[in-house]
Amino acid sequence: MQPRVAILDYGSGNLRSAQRAVERAGAGVEVTADPHAAMEADGLLVPGVGAFASCMEGLRSVHGDRVIGKRLAGGRPVLGICVGMQVLFDRGVEHGVAADGCGEWPGTVERLQAPVVPHMGWNTLDVPEGSRLFAGIGPEERFYFVHSYGVLRWELEADSPHIAAPRVTWSTHGAPFVAAVENGPLWATQFHPEKSGDAGAKVLANWVASL
């Protein structure tokens, strides 16, 4: 049986390219704004392109923030991509204006500390040992980024020796920033796997295989 993936349509993201990429990764895909369909799928993919505040506005308009929270409370997989990763944090600050995020992770999305912004193009990753998201992917592989904001400090630590600490992948553009996170059922990437060639296809295949 193919796993069923819902791609959340809240007015932001490359929905069709994400749909094609996830289908190639071996899942049945539905692009939907319906909270019930998003809850019932085996996996939920949250895309995102544009400004943090407008993405959060769109997400709330389809109750996406609640759907994400309810899925995670039940241990059901969610994958955020680009701004779909950023909105999982506490807040974003753009042009000096702060907006609340979903609050699944502590931390702030802020402007990259680099001489050239946006960060647009291919970059390598510093992947932690034991990553499932990047299993079978070599350290020389590059992934496609296009963003001006990111998470520069990871603030969540495991509060118990019995709970596995999140696996955080980093990249560098001027200064280090969070490029991906694996935290129980919640995985996310700052880069666009659907635009990252064979390496990105493998990332999506790894996620689909985990469903």
N, C-alpha and C. Protein backbone atom coordinates (compact mmCIF):
# COMPACT_ATOMS: atom_id res chain seq x y z
N MET A 1 0.84 -1.20 0.00
CA MET A 1 0.00 0.00 0.00
C MET A 1 0.87 1.25 0.00
N GLN A 2 0.58 2.17 -0.92
CA GLN A 2 1.28 3.45 -0.91
C GLN A 2 0.86 4.27 0.31
N PRO A 3 1.82 4.92 0.98
CA PRO A 3 1.42 5.88 2.01
C PRO A 3 0.71 7.07 1.36
N ARG A 4 -0.20 7.68 2.10
CA ARG A 4 -0.97 8.82 1.60
C ARG A 4 -0.41 10.10 2.22
N VAL A 5 -0.05 11.04 1.36
CA VAL A 5 0.50 12.32 1.81
C VAL A 5 -0.45 13.44 1.41
N ALA A 6 -0.77 14.30 2.36
CA ALA A 6 -1.52 15.53 2.07
C ALA A 6 -0.54 16.69 2.01
N ILE A 7 -0.59 17.45 0.94
CA ILE A 7 0.18 18.70 0.83
C ILE A 7 -0.78 19.83 1.15
N LEU A 8 -0.45 20.58 2.19
CA LEU A 8 -1.39 21.60 2.69
C LEU A 8 -1.38 22.82 1.78
N ASP A 9 -2.55 23.11 1.23
CA ASP A 9 -2.72 24.27 0.35
C ASP A 9 -3.29 25.43 1.17
N TYR A 10 -2.40 26.37 1.53
CA TYR A 10 -2.86 27.53 2.29
C TYR A 10 -2.45 28.83 1.59
N GLY A 11 -2.24 28.72 0.27
CA GLY A 11 -1.94 29.91 -0.52
C GLY A 11 -0.48 30.24 -0.64
N SER A 12 0.40 29.31 -0.24
CA SER A 12 1.83 29.57 -0.29
C SER A 12 2.58 28.29 -0.59
N GLY A 13 3.45 28.33 -1.60
CA GLY A 13 4.28 27.16 -1.85
C GLY A 13 4.19 26.69 -3.28
N ASN A 14 5.19 25.94 -3.68
CA ASN A 14 5.22 25.35 -5.01
C ASN A 14 4.47 24.01 -4.95
N LEU A 15 3.15 24.09 -4.97
CA LEU A 15 2.34 22.92 -4.69
C LEU A 15 2.52 21.82 -5.73
N ARG A 16 2.50 22.19 -6.99
CA ARG A 16 2.52 21.15 -8.03
C ARG A 16 3.89 20.50 -8.14
N SER A 17 4.95 21.27 -8.01
CA SER A 17 6.29 20.66 -8.07
C SER A 17 6.50 19.77 -6.86
N ALA A 18 6.00 20.18 -5.70
CA ALA A 18 6.08 19.33 -4.51
C ALA A 18 5.26 18.06 -4.70
N GLN A 19 4.08 18.21 -5.28
CA GLN A 19 3.23 17.04 -5.51
C GLN A 19 3.93 16.03 -6.41
N ARG A 20 4.49 16.49 -7.52
CA ARG A 20 5.16 15.58 -8.44
C ARG A 20 6.35 14.89 -7.78
N ALA A 21 7.10 15.66 -6.99
CA ALA A 21 8.29 15.10 -6.34
C ALA A 21 7.92 14.04 -5.32
N VAL A 22 6.86 14.27 -4.55
CA VAL A 22 6.44 13.30 -3.53
C VAL A 22 5.83 12.07 -4.20
N GLU A 23 5.13 12.26 -5.30
CA GLU A 23 4.61 11.10 -6.05
C GLU A 23 5.75 10.25 -6.57
N ARG A 24 6.79 10.89 -7.08
CA ARG A 24 7.96 10.13 -7.56
C ARG A 24 8.65 9.40 -6.41
N ALA A 25 8.51 9.93 -5.20
CA ALA A 25 9.11 9.29 -4.03
C ALA A 25 8.31 8.09 -3.55
N GLY A 26 7.14 7.86 -4.14
CA GLY A 26 6.41 6.63 -3.85
C GLY A 26 5.14 6.79 -3.05
N ALA A 27 4.63 8.01 -2.93
CA ALA A 27 3.41 8.23 -2.14
C ALA A 27 2.24 8.62 -3.04
N GLY A 28 1.04 8.33 -2.58
CA GLY A 28 -0.14 8.92 -3.17
C GLY A 28 -0.33 10.30 -2.56
N VAL A 29 -0.64 11.30 -3.38
CA VAL A 29 -0.63 12.69 -2.91
C VAL A 29 -1.96 13.36 -3.18
N GLU A 30 -2.43 14.11 -2.18
CA GLU A 30 -3.59 14.98 -2.33
C GLU A 30 -3.20 16.38 -1.90
N VAL A 31 -3.40 17.36 -2.78
CA VAL A 31 -3.21 18.76 -2.42
C VAL A 31 -4.54 19.28 -1.88
N THR A 32 -4.53 19.76 -0.63
CA THR A 32 -5.81 20.06 0.01
C THR A 32 -5.69 21.20 1.01
N ALA A 33 -6.79 21.93 1.16
CA ALA A 33 -6.93 22.92 2.23
C ALA A 33 -7.87 22.43 3.31
N ASP A 34 -8.34 21.19 3.18
CA ASP A 34 -9.33 20.64 4.11
C ASP A 34 -8.64 20.08 5.35
N PRO A 35 -8.94 20.62 6.53
CA PRO A 35 -8.28 20.15 7.76
C PRO A 35 -8.48 18.66 8.02
N HIS A 36 -9.65 18.14 7.70
CA HIS A 36 -9.91 16.72 7.94
C HIS A 36 -9.01 15.86 7.07
N ALA A 37 -8.90 16.19 5.80
CA ALA A 37 -8.03 15.43 4.91
C ALA A 37 -6.57 15.52 5.35
N ALA A 38 -6.17 16.71 5.81
CA ALA A 38 -4.80 16.90 6.29
C ALA A 38 -4.54 16.08 7.55
N MET A 39 -5.55 15.91 8.39
CA MET A 39 -5.40 15.12 9.60
C MET A 39 -5.33 13.63 9.29
N GLU A 40 -6.09 13.17 8.31
CA GLU A 40 -6.24 11.74 8.06
C GLU A 40 -5.10 11.14 7.26
N ALA A 41 -4.34 11.94 6.55
CA ALA A 41 -3.26 11.41 5.70
C ALA A 41 -2.17 10.78 6.55
N ASP A 42 -1.42 9.87 5.97
CA ASP A 42 -0.29 9.25 6.66
C ASP A 42 0.80 10.27 6.96
N GLY A 43 1.02 11.18 6.03
CA GLY A 43 2.01 12.24 6.20
C GLY A 43 1.45 13.57 5.73
N LEU A 44 1.84 14.64 6.41
CA LEU A 44 1.41 15.99 6.02
C LEU A 44 2.65 16.78 5.61
N LEU A 45 2.64 17.34 4.41
CA LEU A 45 3.72 18.20 3.95
C LEU A 45 3.24 19.64 3.96
N VAL A 46 4.01 20.49 4.64
CA VAL A 46 3.68 21.92 4.74
C VAL A 46 4.71 22.69 3.93
N PRO A 47 4.33 23.19 2.73
CA PRO A 47 5.27 23.98 1.93
C PRO A 47 5.29 25.42 2.43
N GLY A 48 5.97 26.29 1.73
CA GLY A 48 5.96 27.70 2.10
C GLY A 48 6.94 28.51 1.30
N VAL A 49 6.44 29.59 0.72
CA VAL A 49 7.27 30.53 -0.03
C VAL A 49 6.77 31.93 0.29
N GLY A 50 7.69 32.86 0.57
CA GLY A 50 7.29 34.24 0.82
C GLY A 50 7.62 34.68 2.22
N ALA A 51 6.88 35.67 2.70
CA ALA A 51 7.14 36.27 4.00
C ALA A 51 6.53 35.44 5.13
N PHE A 52 7.23 35.40 6.25
CA PHE A 52 6.80 34.62 7.42
C PHE A 52 5.38 35.00 7.84
N ALA A 53 5.13 36.30 8.03
CA ALA A 53 3.83 36.74 8.56
C ALA A 53 2.69 36.38 7.62
N SER A 54 2.88 36.55 6.32
CA SER A 54 1.79 36.23 5.39
C SER A 54 1.57 34.72 5.31
N CYS A 55 2.64 33.94 5.44
CA CYS A 55 2.47 32.48 5.46
C CYS A 55 1.70 32.06 6.69
N MET A 56 1.99 32.66 7.84
CA MET A 56 1.25 32.32 9.05
C MET A 56 -0.21 32.72 8.91
N GLU A 57 -0.48 33.84 8.30
CA GLU A 57 -1.87 34.27 8.08
C GLU A 57 -2.61 33.25 7.23
N GLY A 58 -1.96 32.81 6.15
CA GLY A 58 -2.58 31.80 5.30
C GLY A 58 -2.76 30.48 6.01
N LEU A 59 -1.77 30.09 6.80
CA LEU A 59 -1.84 28.83 7.53
C LEU A 59 -3.01 28.84 8.51
N ARG A 60 -3.16 29.94 9.23
CA ARG A 60 -4.27 30.03 10.19
C ARG A 60 -5.62 30.04 9.49
N SER A 61 -5.67 30.58 8.28
CA SER A 61 -6.95 30.68 7.57
C SER A 61 -7.54 29.31 7.24
N VAL A 62 -6.68 28.28 7.17
CA VAL A 62 -7.17 26.92 6.91
C VAL A 62 -6.97 26.04 8.15
N HIS A 63 -6.72 26.68 9.30
CA HIS A 63 -6.51 25.98 10.57
C HIS A 63 -5.31 25.04 10.52
N GLY A 64 -4.33 25.39 9.67
CA GLY A 64 -3.16 24.55 9.52
C GLY A 64 -2.32 24.45 10.77
N ASP A 65 -2.25 25.54 11.54
CA ASP A 65 -1.47 25.50 12.78
C ASP A 65 -2.06 24.50 13.76
N ARG A 66 -3.39 24.43 13.82
CA ARG A 66 -4.04 23.46 14.71
C ARG A 66 -3.85 22.03 14.20
N VAL A 67 -3.94 21.86 12.90
CA VAL A 67 -3.75 20.53 12.31
C VAL A 67 -2.34 20.02 12.62
N ILE A 68 -1.34 20.88 12.44
CA ILE A 68 0.04 20.48 12.73
C ILE A 68 0.16 20.07 14.20
N GLY A 69 -0.37 20.88 15.09
CA GLY A 69 -0.28 20.58 16.52
C GLY A 69 -0.97 19.28 16.88
N LYS A 70 -2.16 19.05 16.33
CA LYS A 70 -2.91 17.83 16.63
C LYS A 70 -2.19 16.59 16.07
N ARG A 71 -1.66 16.71 14.86
CA ARG A 71 -0.94 15.57 14.29
C ARG A 71 0.27 15.22 15.16
N LEU A 72 1.02 16.22 15.56
CA LEU A 72 2.23 15.95 16.33
C LEU A 72 1.90 15.41 17.71
N ALA A 73 0.80 15.88 18.30
CA ALA A 73 0.38 15.36 19.60
C ALA A 73 0.07 13.87 19.52
N GLY A 74 -0.36 13.42 18.35
CA GLY A 74 -0.66 12.01 18.14
C GLY A 74 0.49 11.24 17.52
N GLY A 75 1.65 11.88 17.39
CA GLY A 75 2.82 11.21 16.82
C GLY A 75 2.73 10.96 15.33
N ARG A 76 1.97 11.81 14.61
CA ARG A 76 1.76 11.60 13.18
C ARG A 76 2.67 12.53 12.37
N PRO A 77 3.33 12.00 11.34
CA PRO A 77 4.41 12.72 10.67
C PRO A 77 3.99 14.00 9.95
N VAL A 78 4.86 15.01 10.09
CA VAL A 78 4.73 16.29 9.40
C VAL A 78 6.10 16.65 8.83
N LEU A 79 6.13 17.14 7.60
CA LEU A 79 7.35 17.64 6.97
C LEU A 79 7.13 19.08 6.53
N GLY A 80 7.96 20.00 7.04
CA GLY A 80 7.91 21.40 6.61
C GLY A 80 9.04 21.70 5.65
N ILE A 81 8.76 22.51 4.63
CA ILE A 81 9.77 22.86 3.61
C ILE A 81 9.86 24.37 3.49
N CYS A 82 11.07 24.91 3.52
CA CYS A 82 11.39 26.33 3.37
C CYS A 82 10.62 27.15 4.41
N VAL A 83 9.76 28.07 4.02
CA VAL A 83 9.02 28.82 5.03
C VAL A 83 8.08 27.89 5.81
N GLY A 84 7.73 26.75 5.21
CA GLY A 84 6.98 25.73 5.94
C GLY A 84 7.77 25.15 7.10
N MET A 85 9.09 25.25 7.07
CA MET A 85 9.92 24.93 8.23
C MET A 85 9.97 26.12 9.18
N GLN A 86 10.15 27.31 8.64
CA GLN A 86 10.31 28.49 9.49
C GLN A 86 9.11 28.73 10.40
N VAL A 87 7.90 28.51 9.87
CA VAL A 87 6.70 28.80 10.67
C VAL A 87 6.52 27.84 11.84
N LEU A 88 7.33 26.79 11.90
CA LEU A 88 7.25 25.86 13.02
C LEU A 88 7.89 26.44 14.28
N PHE A 89 8.68 27.50 14.13
CA PHE A 89 9.35 28.12 15.27
C PHE A 89 8.44 29.14 15.96
N ASP A 90 8.92 29.65 17.10
CA ASP A 90 8.12 30.57 17.90
C ASP A 90 7.72 31.84 17.16
N ARG A 91 8.68 32.42 16.44
CA ARG A 91 8.36 33.69 15.80
C ARG A 91 9.33 33.98 14.67
N GLY A 92 8.92 34.91 13.81
CA GLY A 92 9.77 35.41 12.74
C GLY A 92 9.85 36.91 12.82
N VAL A 93 11.01 37.47 12.51
CA VAL A 93 11.22 38.91 12.52
C VAL A 93 11.70 39.33 11.14
N GLU A 94 10.87 40.08 10.44
CA GLU A 94 11.22 40.58 9.11
C GLU A 94 11.01 42.08 9.07
N HIS A 95 12.04 42.83 8.63
CA HIS A 95 11.98 44.29 8.56
C HIS A 95 11.61 44.89 9.92
N GLY A 96 12.10 44.26 10.99
CA GLY A 96 11.86 44.76 12.33
C GLY A 96 10.51 44.45 12.92
N VAL A 97 9.68 43.72 12.17
CA VAL A 97 8.33 43.39 12.64
C VAL A 97 8.28 41.91 12.99
N ALA A 98 7.84 41.62 14.21
CA ALA A 98 7.77 40.23 14.68
C ALA A 98 6.38 39.66 14.46
N ALA A 99 6.32 38.38 14.11
CA ALA A 99 5.05 37.67 13.96
C ALA A 99 5.19 36.32 14.65
N ASP A 100 4.11 35.88 15.29
CA ASP A 100 4.11 34.59 15.98
C ASP A 100 4.05 33.45 14.97
N GLY A 101 4.80 32.39 15.27
CA GLY A 101 4.74 31.18 14.48
C GLY A 101 3.91 30.11 15.18
N CYS A 102 4.09 28.86 14.77
CA CYS A 102 3.32 27.77 15.35
C CYS A 102 3.82 27.37 16.73
N GLY A 103 5.07 27.69 17.04
CA GLY A 103 5.58 27.43 18.38
C GLY A 103 5.91 25.97 18.66
N GLU A 104 6.13 25.17 17.62
CA GLU A 104 6.52 23.78 17.85
C GLU A 104 7.97 23.68 18.35
N TRP A 105 8.79 24.64 17.96
CA TRP A 105 10.17 24.72 18.45
C TRP A 105 10.42 26.14 18.95
N PRO A 106 11.20 26.29 20.01
CA PRO A 106 11.62 27.64 20.41
C PRO A 106 12.60 28.19 19.40
N GLY A 107 12.64 29.50 19.27
CA GLY A 107 13.60 30.11 18.36
C GLY A 107 12.97 31.15 17.47
N THR A 108 13.84 31.93 16.84
CA THR A 108 13.42 33.07 16.03
C THR A 108 13.99 32.95 14.63
N VAL A 109 13.15 33.18 13.64
CA VAL A 109 13.59 33.28 12.25
C VAL A 109 13.98 34.72 11.99
N GLU A 110 15.23 34.95 11.58
CA GLU A 110 15.74 36.30 11.39
C GLU A 110 16.58 36.38 10.12
N ARG A 111 16.96 37.61 9.77
CA ARG A 111 17.72 37.81 8.53
C ARG A 111 19.08 37.11 8.63
N LEU A 112 19.46 36.47 7.54
CA LEU A 112 20.75 35.80 7.49
C LEU A 112 21.88 36.80 7.68
N GLN A 113 22.92 36.38 8.35
CA GLN A 113 24.09 37.22 8.57
C GLN A 113 25.12 36.90 7.49
N ALA A 114 24.92 37.53 6.33
CA ALA A 114 25.76 37.25 5.17
C ALA A 114 25.93 38.51 4.34
N PRO A 115 27.05 38.64 3.64
CA PRO A 115 27.25 39.83 2.81
C PRO A 115 26.34 39.87 1.59
N VAL A 116 25.87 38.71 1.16
CA VAL A 116 24.96 38.63 0.02
C VAL A 116 23.69 37.91 0.46
N VAL A 117 22.57 38.59 0.35
CA VAL A 117 21.26 38.04 0.70
C VAL A 117 20.31 38.43 -0.42
N PRO A 118 19.50 37.51 -0.95
CA PRO A 118 19.21 36.18 -0.41
C PRO A 118 20.31 35.16 -0.68
N HIS A 119 20.25 34.09 0.08
CA HIS A 119 21.04 32.89 -0.16
C HIS A 119 20.30 32.11 -1.23
N MET A 120 20.83 32.14 -2.44
CA MET A 120 20.15 31.52 -3.57
C MET A 120 21.13 30.64 -4.32
N GLY A 121 20.85 29.35 -4.35
CA GLY A 121 21.71 28.43 -5.07
C GLY A 121 21.99 27.18 -4.26
N TRP A 122 23.05 26.49 -4.65
CA TRP A 122 23.35 25.17 -4.12
C TRP A 122 24.35 25.27 -2.98
N ASN A 123 24.14 24.44 -1.96
CA ASN A 123 25.04 24.45 -0.81
C ASN A 123 25.11 23.06 -0.19
N THR A 124 26.22 22.81 0.50
CA THR A 124 26.39 21.54 1.20
C THR A 124 25.82 21.64 2.62
N LEU A 125 25.76 20.50 3.28
CA LEU A 125 25.17 20.40 4.60
C LEU A 125 26.13 19.74 5.58
N ASP A 126 25.96 20.06 6.85
CA ASP A 126 26.66 19.38 7.94
C ASP A 126 25.61 18.54 8.66
N VAL A 127 25.56 17.25 8.32
CA VAL A 127 24.50 16.35 8.77
C VAL A 127 24.94 15.59 10.02
N PRO A 128 24.11 15.53 11.05
CA PRO A 128 24.49 14.80 12.26
C PRO A 128 24.48 13.29 12.04
N GLU A 129 25.24 12.59 12.86
CA GLU A 129 25.29 11.14 12.79
C GLU A 129 23.92 10.56 13.13
N GLY A 130 23.55 9.51 12.40
CA GLY A 130 22.29 8.84 12.68
C GLY A 130 21.08 9.43 12.01
N SER A 131 21.27 10.39 11.12
CA SER A 131 20.13 11.01 10.43
C SER A 131 19.40 9.99 9.58
N ARG A 132 18.09 9.97 9.71
CA ARG A 132 17.26 9.15 8.82
C ARG A 132 16.87 9.92 7.57
N LEU A 133 16.71 11.23 7.71
CA LEU A 133 16.32 12.05 6.57
C LEU A 133 17.37 12.02 5.47
N PHE A 134 18.66 11.99 5.86
CA PHE A 134 19.75 12.02 4.89
C PHE A 134 20.45 10.68 4.73
N ALA A 135 19.78 9.60 5.12
CA ALA A 135 20.37 8.27 4.98
C ALA A 135 20.68 7.98 3.51
N GLY A 136 21.88 7.50 3.25
CA GLY A 136 22.27 7.15 1.89
C GLY A 136 22.72 8.32 1.04
N ILE A 137 22.89 9.49 1.66
CA ILE A 137 23.30 10.70 0.94
C ILE A 137 24.69 11.11 1.41
N GLY A 138 25.62 11.28 0.48
CA GLY A 138 27.00 11.59 0.82
C GLY A 138 27.19 13.03 1.25
N PRO A 139 28.30 13.31 1.98
CA PRO A 139 28.55 14.66 2.49
C PRO A 139 28.86 15.68 1.39
N GLU A 140 29.15 15.21 0.20
CA GLU A 140 29.48 16.13 -0.89
C GLU A 140 28.24 16.62 -1.63
N GLU A 141 27.10 16.04 -1.35
CA GLU A 141 25.88 16.42 -2.08
C GLU A 141 25.45 17.85 -1.73
N ARG A 142 24.88 18.52 -2.73
CA ARG A 142 24.42 19.90 -2.55
C ARG A 142 22.90 19.97 -2.71
N PHE A 143 22.33 20.97 -2.03
CA PHE A 143 20.88 21.14 -2.02
C PHE A 143 20.55 22.59 -2.37
N TYR A 144 19.36 22.79 -2.92
CA TYR A 144 19.00 24.11 -3.45
C TYR A 144 18.26 24.95 -2.42
N PHE A 145 18.82 26.12 -2.15
CA PHE A 145 18.24 27.08 -1.20
C PHE A 145 17.83 28.36 -1.93
N VAL A 146 16.78 28.99 -1.44
CA VAL A 146 16.46 30.35 -1.83
C VAL A 146 15.71 31.00 -0.67
N HIS A 147 16.45 31.82 0.13
CA HIS A 147 15.85 32.43 1.32
C HIS A 147 16.74 33.56 1.81
N SER A 148 16.12 34.52 2.47
CA SER A 148 16.84 35.63 3.09
C SER A 148 16.84 35.54 4.61
N TYR A 149 15.99 34.65 5.15
CA TYR A 149 15.84 34.52 6.60
C TYR A 149 16.06 33.07 6.99
N GLY A 150 16.43 32.88 8.24
CA GLY A 150 16.65 31.53 8.73
C GLY A 150 16.78 31.53 10.24
N VAL A 151 17.01 30.34 10.77
CA VAL A 151 17.20 30.16 12.21
C VAL A 151 18.69 30.04 12.47
N LEU A 152 19.25 30.99 13.18
CA LEU A 152 20.69 31.05 13.38
C LEU A 152 21.13 30.37 14.67
N ARG A 153 20.19 30.14 15.57
CA ARG A 153 20.50 29.49 16.85
C ARG A 153 19.46 28.43 17.16
N TRP A 154 19.92 27.22 17.46
CA TRP A 154 19.00 26.15 17.85
C TRP A 154 18.84 26.20 19.37
N GLU A 155 17.62 26.35 19.85
CA GLU A 155 17.38 26.61 21.26
C GLU A 155 16.75 25.46 22.03
N LEU A 156 16.31 24.42 21.33
CA LEU A 156 15.64 23.32 22.01
C LEU A 156 16.65 22.22 22.34
N GLU A 157 16.70 21.85 23.59
CA GLU A 157 17.54 20.74 24.03
C GLU A 157 16.65 19.68 24.67
N ALA A 158 17.06 18.42 24.58
CA ALA A 158 16.31 17.35 25.23
C ALA A 158 16.33 17.58 26.74
N ASP A 159 15.15 17.56 27.37
CA ASP A 159 15.08 17.84 28.80
C ASP A 159 15.10 16.58 29.65
N SER A 160 15.37 15.44 29.03
CA SER A 160 15.44 14.19 29.75
C SER A 160 16.43 13.27 29.07
N PRO A 161 17.21 12.51 29.83
CA PRO A 161 18.13 11.56 29.21
C PRO A 161 17.41 10.44 28.50
N HIS A 162 16.10 10.30 28.75
CA HIS A 162 15.32 9.24 28.12
C HIS A 162 14.67 9.69 26.81
N ILE A 163 14.81 10.96 26.46
CA ILE A 163 14.24 11.50 25.23
C ILE A 163 15.38 11.85 24.28
N ALA A 164 15.31 11.34 23.08
CA ALA A 164 16.37 11.61 22.11
C ALA A 164 16.37 13.09 21.73
N ALA A 165 17.55 13.67 21.71
CA ALA A 165 17.67 15.06 21.28
C ALA A 165 17.37 15.16 19.79
N PRO A 166 16.76 16.26 19.34
CA PRO A 166 16.53 16.44 17.91
C PRO A 166 17.85 16.39 17.13
N ARG A 167 17.80 15.88 15.93
CA ARG A 167 18.95 15.90 15.03
C ARG A 167 18.85 17.16 14.18
N VAL A 168 19.83 18.02 14.29
CA VAL A 168 19.80 19.31 13.61
C VAL A 168 20.93 19.33 12.57
N THR A 169 20.56 19.60 11.32
CA THR A 169 21.51 19.73 10.22
C THR A 169 21.75 21.21 9.95
N TRP A 170 23.01 21.56 9.72
CA TRP A 170 23.38 22.95 9.51
C TRP A 170 23.94 23.16 8.11
N SER A 171 23.85 24.39 7.64
CA SER A 171 24.56 24.84 6.45
C SER A 171 25.13 26.22 6.78
N THR A 172 25.94 26.76 5.89
CA THR A 172 26.57 28.05 6.15
C THR A 172 26.45 28.96 4.95
N HIS A 173 25.95 30.15 5.18
CA HIS A 173 25.96 31.24 4.19
C HIS A 173 26.28 32.51 4.96
N GLY A 174 27.52 32.90 4.98
CA GLY A 174 27.96 33.99 5.83
C GLY A 174 28.18 33.51 7.25
N ALA A 175 27.16 32.91 7.83
CA ALA A 175 27.21 32.32 9.17
C ALA A 175 26.36 31.05 9.16
N PRO A 176 26.56 30.15 10.11
CA PRO A 176 25.76 28.93 10.14
C PRO A 176 24.27 29.22 10.36
N PHE A 177 23.43 28.39 9.76
CA PHE A 177 21.98 28.45 9.98
C PHE A 177 21.44 27.02 9.93
N VAL A 178 20.26 26.84 10.52
CA VAL A 178 19.62 25.52 10.55
C VAL A 178 19.09 25.19 9.16
N ALA A 179 19.56 24.06 8.62
CA ALA A 179 19.15 23.64 7.28
C ALA A 179 18.11 22.53 7.30
N ALA A 180 18.04 21.78 8.40
CA ALA A 180 17.03 20.72 8.53
C ALA A 180 16.97 20.28 9.98
N VAL A 181 15.82 19.71 10.34
CA VAL A 181 15.61 19.21 11.70
C VAL A 181 14.84 17.90 11.62
N GLU A 182 15.24 16.95 12.46
CA GLU A 182 14.48 15.71 12.67
C GLU A 182 14.17 15.62 14.16
N ASN A 183 12.90 15.70 14.50
CA ASN A 183 12.49 15.75 15.90
C ASN A 183 11.24 14.89 16.08
N GLY A 184 11.42 13.60 16.33
CA GLY A 184 10.29 12.70 16.42
C GLY A 184 9.52 12.67 15.11
N PRO A 185 8.19 12.91 15.14
CA PRO A 185 7.41 12.89 13.91
C PRO A 185 7.53 14.17 13.08
N LEU A 186 8.22 15.18 13.61
CA LEU A 186 8.32 16.47 12.93
C LEU A 186 9.69 16.62 12.28
N TRP A 187 9.71 16.62 10.94
CA TRP A 187 10.92 16.83 10.16
C TRP A 187 10.73 18.09 9.32
N ALA A 188 11.82 18.74 8.97
CA ALA A 188 11.71 19.97 8.20
C ALA A 188 13.03 20.27 7.50
N THR A 189 12.94 20.97 6.37
CA THR A 189 14.13 21.40 5.63
C THR A 189 13.99 22.86 5.23
N GLN A 190 15.09 23.61 5.35
CA GLN A 190 15.11 24.98 4.85
C GLN A 190 15.28 24.99 3.33
N PHE A 191 16.00 24.04 2.81
CA PHE A 191 16.19 23.93 1.35
C PHE A 191 14.94 23.32 0.71
N HIS A 192 14.91 23.36 -0.61
CA HIS A 192 13.80 22.80 -1.38
C HIS A 192 14.20 21.42 -1.90
N PRO A 193 13.77 20.33 -1.28
CA PRO A 193 14.13 19.02 -1.81
C PRO A 193 13.56 18.77 -3.20
N GLU A 194 12.40 19.35 -3.49
CA GLU A 194 11.78 19.13 -4.80
C GLU A 194 12.54 19.83 -5.93
N LYS A 195 13.49 20.71 -5.58
CA LYS A 195 14.31 21.40 -6.57
C LYS A 195 15.78 20.98 -6.47
N SER A 196 16.06 19.95 -5.68
CA SER A 196 17.45 19.60 -5.37
C SER A 196 17.92 18.32 -6.05
N GLY A 197 17.35 18.01 -7.22
CA GLY A 197 17.85 16.90 -8.02
C GLY A 197 17.75 15.56 -7.32
N ASP A 198 18.72 14.69 -7.60
CA ASP A 198 18.69 13.33 -7.07
C ASP A 198 18.81 13.32 -5.54
N ALA A 199 19.62 14.23 -4.99
CA ALA A 199 19.79 14.27 -3.54
C ALA A 199 18.48 14.65 -2.85
N GLY A 200 17.78 15.63 -3.41
CA GLY A 200 16.49 16.02 -2.85
C GLY A 200 15.46 14.92 -2.99
N ALA A 201 15.50 14.22 -4.13
CA ALA A 201 14.58 13.10 -4.33
C ALA A 201 14.80 12.02 -3.29
N LYS A 202 16.06 11.79 -2.92
CA LYS A 202 16.37 10.79 -1.91
C LYS A 202 15.87 11.24 -0.53
N VAL A 203 15.98 12.52 -0.23
CA VAL A 203 15.44 13.04 1.03
C VAL A 203 13.94 12.77 1.11
N LEU A 204 13.21 13.08 0.05
CA LEU A 204 11.76 12.85 0.06
C LEU A 204 11.44 11.36 0.14
N ALA A 205 12.23 10.52 -0.56
CA ALA A 205 12.03 9.09 -0.48
C ALA A 205 12.25 8.58 0.94
N ASN A 206 13.25 9.12 1.62
CA ASN A 206 13.51 8.73 3.00
C ASN A 206 12.33 9.10 3.91
N TRP A 207 11.76 10.29 3.68
CA TRP A 207 10.61 10.69 4.48
C TRP A 207 9.40 9.79 4.19
N VAL A 208 9.12 9.57 2.92
CA VAL A 208 7.97 8.72 2.55
C VAL A 208 8.15 7.31 3.13
N ALA A 209 9.37 6.80 3.10
CA ALA A 209 9.62 5.46 3.64
C ALA A 209 9.40 5.39 5.14
N SER A 210 9.45 6.54 5.82
CA SER A 210 9.26 6.56 7.28
C SER A 210 7.79 6.59 7.69
N LEU A 211 6.89 6.80 6.71
CA LEU A 211 5.47 6.96 7.03
C LEU A 211 4.80 5.62 7.37
